[in-house]
């Protein structure tokens, strides 16, 4: 009995779902969104609070939103892949 088992199943799975591309897009979106939020709520109105607080909050917003965006994009990729597989 010969089974066709991929040599690197996790790597093939990640490649099929385009995780790297989704991560780049998700974190690019999160950086742009974070810059817009900081510009609208911190830079434009002016602030008297210390800057490190806003840098830390920007980092948290960027990483959290990047992770969520990457997850959502990867779920869409998985859905499309499942639909393609069903059609075959």
Protein backbone atom coordinates (compact mmCIF):
# COMPACT_ATOMS: atom_id res chain seq x y z
CA UNK A 1 0.00 0.00 0.00
CA UNK A 2 1.62 3.24 -1.09
CA UNK A 3 0.33 6.42 0.48
CA UNK A 4 1.05 9.81 -0.97
CA UNK A 5 2.10 11.67 2.17
CA UNK A 6 3.63 15.11 1.68
CA UNK A 7 7.11 15.51 3.08
CA UNK A 8 6.26 18.79 4.78
CA UNK A 9 2.51 18.81 5.50
CA UNK A 10 2.47 22.00 7.60
CA UNK A 11 4.52 23.95 5.08
CA UNK A 12 2.28 22.77 2.26
CA UNK A 13 -0.82 23.72 4.24
CA UNK A 14 0.55 27.20 5.02
CA UNK A 15 1.53 27.69 1.38
CA UNK A 16 -1.90 26.57 0.15
CA UNK A 17 -3.61 29.10 2.42
CA UNK A 18 -1.26 31.94 1.41
CA UNK A 19 -0.52 32.74 5.05
CA UNK A 20 2.62 34.74 4.26
CA UNK A 21 0.82 36.97 1.75
CA UNK A 22 -2.13 37.38 4.12
CA UNK A 23 0.19 38.35 6.97
CA UNK A 24 1.91 40.98 4.86
CA UNK A 25 -1.43 42.45 3.79
CA UNK A 26 -2.93 42.23 7.28
CA UNK A 27 -0.03 43.94 9.01
CA UNK A 28 0.29 46.57 6.27
CA UNK A 29 -3.37 47.42 6.81
CA UNK A 30 -2.88 47.52 10.58
CA UNK A 31 0.09 49.87 10.31
CA UNK A 32 -1.84 52.25 8.05
CA UNK A 33 -4.87 52.13 10.32
CA UNK A 34 -2.76 52.72 13.43
CA UNK A 35 -1.02 55.68 11.80
CA UNK A 36 -4.42 57.15 10.89
CA UNK A 37 -5.78 56.66 14.41
CA UNK A 38 -2.72 58.27 15.99
CA UNK A 39 -2.87 61.16 13.52
CA UNK A 40 -6.57 61.83 14.12
CA UNK A 41 -6.64 61.37 17.89
CA UNK A 42 -3.14 62.39 19.00
CA UNK A 43 -1.29 64.56 16.49
CA UNK A 44 -4.08 66.77 15.13
CA UNK A 45 -5.77 67.73 18.40
CA UNK A 46 -2.44 67.93 20.26
CA UNK A 47 -1.73 66.17 23.51
CA UNK A 48 0.03 66.80 26.77
CA UNK A 49 0.52 63.16 27.66
CA UNK A 50 3.96 61.57 27.34
CA UNK A 51 4.68 60.17 23.87
CA UNK A 52 5.81 56.68 25.02
CA UNK A 53 2.26 55.93 26.13
CA UNK A 54 0.96 56.58 22.64
CA UNK A 55 3.78 54.62 21.05
CA UNK A 56 2.93 51.64 23.30
CA UNK A 57 -0.78 51.94 22.52
CA UNK A 58 0.02 52.18 18.81
CA UNK A 59 2.14 49.03 19.03
CA UNK A 60 -0.66 47.13 20.77
CA UNK A 61 -3.26 48.33 18.26
CA UNK A 62 -1.02 47.48 15.32
CA UNK A 63 -0.12 43.97 16.46
CA UNK A 64 -3.65 43.06 17.56
CA UNK A 65 -5.28 44.40 14.41
CA UNK A 66 -2.58 42.77 12.26
CA UNK A 67 -3.23 39.40 13.86
CA UNK A 68 -7.00 39.73 13.43
CA UNK A 69 -6.69 40.89 9.81
CA UNK A 70 -4.29 38.04 9.02
CA UNK A 71 -6.67 35.53 10.58
CA UNK A 72 -9.66 36.85 8.63
CA UNK A 73 -7.75 36.87 5.34
CA UNK A 74 -6.50 33.32 5.96
CA UNK A 75 -10.04 32.17 6.75
CA UNK A 76 -11.17 33.62 3.41
CA UNK A 77 -8.32 31.77 1.70
CA UNK A 78 -9.35 28.53 3.41
CA UNK A 79 -12.96 29.05 2.34
CA UNK A 80 -11.93 29.65 -1.29
CA UNK A 81 -9.67 26.59 -1.22
CA UNK A 82 -12.48 24.47 0.19
CA UNK A 83 -14.87 25.70 -2.50
CA UNK A 84 -12.31 24.86 -5.22
CA UNK A 85 -11.82 21.40 -3.75
CA UNK A 86 -15.59 20.78 -3.64
CA UNK A 87 -15.92 21.61 -7.32
CA UNK A 88 -13.37 19.01 -8.37
